[in-house]
């Protein structure tokens, strides 16, 4: 237990599962790509209902995930 001011906090002594974040970001990136591919057959319906942005949001998530993977890999390399 840690006391800060007049509050007491219970802190668990648990190590993080993914120290560098590479695996987590890789999985998230793949999930964005899967979501994009899953919605691709519904392009016409998404366009008709004004929800075409869902498709492009998935593509943006995938693209940003690629950058995130590279950033996490560089951070892992720096840490040794």
N, C-alpha and C. Protein backbone atom coordinates (compact mmCIF):
# COMPACT_ATOMS: atom_id res chain seq x y z
N UNK A 1 0.84 -1.18 0.00
CA UNK A 1 0.00 0.00 0.00
C UNK A 1 0.88 1.24 0.00
N UNK A 2 0.43 2.22 -0.74
CA UNK A 2 1.14 3.50 -0.81
C UNK A 2 0.21 4.59 -0.32
N UNK A 3 0.76 5.46 0.49
CA UNK A 3 -0.02 6.59 0.97
C UNK A 3 0.49 7.87 0.31
N UNK A 4 -0.43 8.59 -0.30
CA UNK A 4 -0.12 9.88 -0.90
C UNK A 4 -1.11 10.87 -0.32
N UNK A 5 -0.58 11.80 0.47
CA UNK A 5 -1.46 12.74 1.14
C UNK A 5 -2.32 11.99 2.14
N UNK A 6 -3.62 12.19 2.05
CA UNK A 6 -4.54 11.50 2.96
C UNK A 6 -5.22 10.32 2.29
N UNK A 7 -4.68 9.87 1.15
CA UNK A 7 -5.26 8.72 0.45
C UNK A 7 -4.30 7.55 0.47
N UNK A 8 -4.86 6.36 0.51
CA UNK A 8 -4.07 5.13 0.49
C UNK A 8 -4.42 4.37 -0.78
N UNK A 9 -3.38 3.94 -1.50
CA UNK A 9 -3.57 3.21 -2.76
C UNK A 9 -2.99 1.82 -2.64
N UNK A 10 -3.71 0.85 -3.16
CA UNK A 10 -3.24 -0.52 -3.22
C UNK A 10 -2.61 -0.72 -4.59
N UNK A 11 -1.34 -1.09 -4.61
CA UNK A 11 -0.61 -1.26 -5.86
C UNK A 11 -0.18 -2.71 -5.97
N UNK A 12 -0.57 -3.36 -7.05
CA UNK A 12 -0.22 -4.77 -7.28
C UNK A 12 1.20 -4.87 -7.81
N UNK A 13 1.95 -5.82 -7.31
CA UNK A 13 3.31 -6.07 -7.78
C UNK A 13 3.26 -7.05 -8.94
N UNK A 14 2.85 -6.58 -10.10
CA UNK A 14 2.68 -7.41 -11.28
C UNK A 14 3.52 -6.82 -12.41
N UNK A 15 4.31 -7.67 -13.04
CA UNK A 15 5.12 -7.24 -14.16
C UNK A 15 4.23 -7.14 -15.42
N UNK A 16 4.47 -6.16 -16.26
CA UNK A 16 3.69 -6.07 -17.51
C UNK A 16 4.01 -7.26 -18.42
N UNK A 17 3.01 -7.69 -19.18
CA UNK A 17 3.19 -8.83 -20.07
C UNK A 17 4.03 -8.50 -21.29
N UNK A 18 3.89 -7.29 -21.79
CA UNK A 18 4.57 -6.89 -23.02
C UNK A 18 5.36 -5.62 -22.73
N UNK A 19 6.64 -5.78 -22.41
CA UNK A 19 7.44 -4.64 -21.97
C UNK A 19 7.67 -3.59 -23.04
N UNK A 20 7.86 -4.01 -24.28
CA UNK A 20 8.19 -3.04 -25.32
C UNK A 20 7.00 -2.63 -26.18
N UNK A 21 5.89 -3.32 -26.08
CA UNK A 21 4.68 -2.95 -26.80
C UNK A 21 4.60 -3.40 -28.24
N UNK A 22 5.64 -4.03 -28.75
CA UNK A 22 5.65 -4.42 -30.17
C UNK A 22 4.51 -5.39 -30.48
N UNK A 23 4.41 -6.45 -29.68
CA UNK A 23 3.36 -7.45 -29.95
C UNK A 23 1.97 -6.84 -29.86
N UNK A 24 1.75 -6.00 -28.88
CA UNK A 24 0.44 -5.37 -28.70
C UNK A 24 0.07 -4.52 -29.91
N UNK A 25 1.02 -3.72 -30.38
CA UNK A 25 0.75 -2.85 -31.53
C UNK A 25 0.59 -3.69 -32.80
N UNK A 26 1.36 -4.76 -32.94
CA UNK A 26 1.21 -5.64 -34.10
C UNK A 26 -0.19 -6.26 -34.15
N UNK A 27 -0.66 -6.74 -33.02
CA UNK A 27 -1.99 -7.35 -32.97
C UNK A 27 -3.06 -6.32 -33.30
N UNK A 28 -2.96 -5.14 -32.73
CA UNK A 28 -3.93 -4.08 -33.02
C UNK A 28 -3.93 -3.70 -34.49
N UNK A 29 -2.75 -3.63 -35.08
CA UNK A 29 -2.62 -3.27 -36.50
C UNK A 29 -3.28 -4.33 -37.38
N UNK A 30 -3.05 -5.59 -37.06
CA UNK A 30 -3.67 -6.68 -37.83
C UNK A 30 -5.19 -6.63 -37.69
N UNK A 31 -5.67 -6.32 -36.50
CA UNK A 31 -7.12 -6.25 -36.30
C UNK A 31 -7.74 -5.11 -37.13
N UNK A 32 -7.06 -3.98 -37.24
CA UNK A 32 -7.56 -2.90 -38.10
C UNK A 32 -7.63 -3.35 -39.56
N UNK A 33 -6.60 -4.08 -40.01
CA UNK A 33 -6.60 -4.58 -41.39
C UNK A 33 -7.73 -5.58 -41.61
N UNK A 34 -7.95 -6.47 -40.65
CA UNK A 34 -9.04 -7.45 -40.75
C UNK A 34 -10.38 -6.74 -40.83
N UNK A 35 -10.56 -5.70 -40.00
CA UNK A 35 -11.82 -4.95 -40.03
C UNK A 35 -12.01 -4.28 -41.38
N UNK A 36 -10.94 -3.72 -41.95
CA UNK A 36 -11.02 -3.10 -43.28
C UNK A 36 -11.44 -4.12 -44.32
N UNK A 37 -10.77 -5.27 -44.32
CA UNK A 37 -11.09 -6.31 -45.31
C UNK A 37 -12.50 -6.86 -45.12
N UNK A 38 -12.95 -6.94 -43.87
CA UNK A 38 -14.30 -7.45 -43.60
C UNK A 38 -15.37 -6.49 -44.12
N UNK A 39 -15.10 -5.20 -44.10
CA UNK A 39 -16.09 -4.21 -44.55
C UNK A 39 -16.02 -3.93 -46.05
N UNK A 40 -14.92 -4.30 -46.67
CA UNK A 40 -14.73 -4.01 -48.09
C UNK A 40 -15.87 -4.52 -48.98
N UNK A 41 -16.40 -5.74 -48.76
CA UNK A 41 -17.51 -6.20 -49.61
C UNK A 41 -18.78 -5.35 -49.46
N UNK A 42 -18.87 -4.58 -48.38
CA UNK A 42 -20.06 -3.76 -48.13
C UNK A 42 -19.84 -2.30 -48.52
N UNK A 43 -18.89 -2.06 -49.41
CA UNK A 43 -18.54 -0.69 -49.82
C UNK A 43 -19.77 0.09 -50.28
N UNK A 44 -20.55 -0.51 -51.13
CA UNK A 44 -21.74 0.16 -51.67
C UNK A 44 -22.75 0.51 -50.59
N UNK A 45 -23.01 -0.43 -49.71
CA UNK A 45 -23.96 -0.19 -48.63
C UNK A 45 -23.45 0.89 -47.66
N UNK A 46 -22.16 0.85 -47.38
CA UNK A 46 -21.57 1.87 -46.51
C UNK A 46 -21.69 3.25 -47.14
N UNK A 47 -21.47 3.30 -48.46
CA UNK A 47 -21.57 4.58 -49.17
C UNK A 47 -23.01 5.10 -49.17
N UNK A 48 -23.97 4.21 -49.39
CA UNK A 48 -25.38 4.61 -49.41
C UNK A 48 -25.86 5.16 -48.07
N UNK A 49 -25.37 4.59 -46.99
CA UNK A 49 -25.83 4.99 -45.66
C UNK A 49 -24.97 6.08 -45.02
N UNK A 50 -23.99 6.58 -45.75
CA UNK A 50 -23.15 7.65 -45.22
C UNK A 50 -22.14 7.17 -44.19
N UNK A 51 -21.83 5.90 -44.21
CA UNK A 51 -20.88 5.34 -43.25
C UNK A 51 -19.59 4.86 -43.91
N UNK A 52 -19.29 5.39 -45.06
CA UNK A 52 -18.07 5.00 -45.76
C UNK A 52 -16.82 5.36 -44.96
N UNK A 53 -16.95 6.35 -44.09
CA UNK A 53 -15.81 6.75 -43.26
C UNK A 53 -15.35 5.61 -42.34
N UNK A 54 -16.23 4.65 -42.03
CA UNK A 54 -15.83 3.49 -41.22
C UNK A 54 -14.70 2.74 -41.90
N UNK A 55 -14.84 2.57 -43.21
CA UNK A 55 -13.83 1.85 -43.99
C UNK A 55 -12.49 2.58 -43.92
N UNK A 56 -12.54 3.89 -44.11
CA UNK A 56 -11.30 4.68 -44.12
C UNK A 56 -10.73 4.85 -42.73
N UNK A 57 -11.56 4.79 -41.71
CA UNK A 57 -11.05 4.81 -40.33
C UNK A 57 -10.23 3.55 -40.06
N UNK A 58 -10.69 2.42 -40.58
CA UNK A 58 -9.94 1.17 -40.43
C UNK A 58 -8.61 1.25 -41.16
N UNK A 59 -8.61 1.83 -42.34
CA UNK A 59 -7.36 1.96 -43.09
C UNK A 59 -6.40 2.91 -42.38
N UNK A 60 -6.93 3.97 -41.81
CA UNK A 60 -6.09 4.90 -41.04
C UNK A 60 -5.51 4.20 -39.81
N UNK A 61 -6.32 3.39 -39.13
CA UNK A 61 -5.82 2.64 -37.98
C UNK A 61 -4.71 1.69 -38.37
N UNK A 62 -4.86 1.05 -39.52
CA UNK A 62 -3.82 0.15 -40.02
C UNK A 62 -2.54 0.92 -40.34
N UNK A 63 -2.68 2.03 -41.05
CA UNK A 63 -1.51 2.84 -41.41
C UNK A 63 -0.79 3.39 -40.20
N UNK A 64 -1.54 3.91 -39.25
CA UNK A 64 -0.91 4.42 -38.02
C UNK A 64 -0.28 3.30 -37.21
N UNK A 65 -0.90 2.12 -37.27
CA UNK A 65 -0.33 0.97 -36.59
C UNK A 65 1.03 0.58 -37.15
N UNK A 66 1.19 0.71 -38.48
CA UNK A 66 2.49 0.42 -39.08
C UNK A 66 3.57 1.36 -38.54
N UNK A 67 3.22 2.63 -38.41
CA UNK A 67 4.16 3.59 -37.81
C UNK A 67 4.43 3.21 -36.35
N UNK A 68 3.39 2.82 -35.64
CA UNK A 68 3.55 2.45 -34.23
C UNK A 68 4.45 1.24 -34.05
N UNK A 69 4.34 0.27 -34.95
CA UNK A 69 5.21 -0.91 -34.88
C UNK A 69 6.67 -0.49 -35.02
N UNK A 70 6.93 0.37 -35.97
CA UNK A 70 8.30 0.84 -36.19
C UNK A 70 8.83 1.60 -34.99
N UNK A 71 8.00 2.45 -34.41
CA UNK A 71 8.41 3.22 -33.23
C UNK A 71 8.72 2.27 -32.07
N UNK A 72 7.85 1.28 -31.84
CA UNK A 72 8.07 0.33 -30.74
C UNK A 72 9.32 -0.52 -30.98
N UNK A 73 9.57 -0.90 -32.22
CA UNK A 73 10.77 -1.69 -32.52
C UNK A 73 12.03 -0.87 -32.27
N UNK A 74 12.02 0.40 -32.66
CA UNK A 74 13.17 1.26 -32.40
C UNK A 74 13.39 1.46 -30.91
N UNK A 75 12.30 1.62 -30.16
CA UNK A 75 12.42 1.77 -28.71
C UNK A 75 12.99 0.50 -28.09
N UNK A 76 12.55 -0.66 -28.57
CA UNK A 76 13.07 -1.93 -28.06
C UNK A 76 14.55 -2.05 -28.35
N UNK A 77 14.97 -1.64 -29.55
CA UNK A 77 16.38 -1.72 -29.91
C UNK A 77 17.24 -0.78 -29.04
N UNK A 78 16.73 0.39 -28.73
CA UNK A 78 17.45 1.33 -27.88
C UNK A 78 17.62 0.79 -26.46
N UNK A 79 16.59 0.10 -25.98
CA UNK A 79 16.62 -0.41 -24.61
C UNK A 79 17.56 -1.61 -24.48
N UNK A 80 17.88 -2.22 -25.61
CA UNK A 80 18.83 -3.34 -25.57
C UNK A 80 18.17 -4.59 -25.52
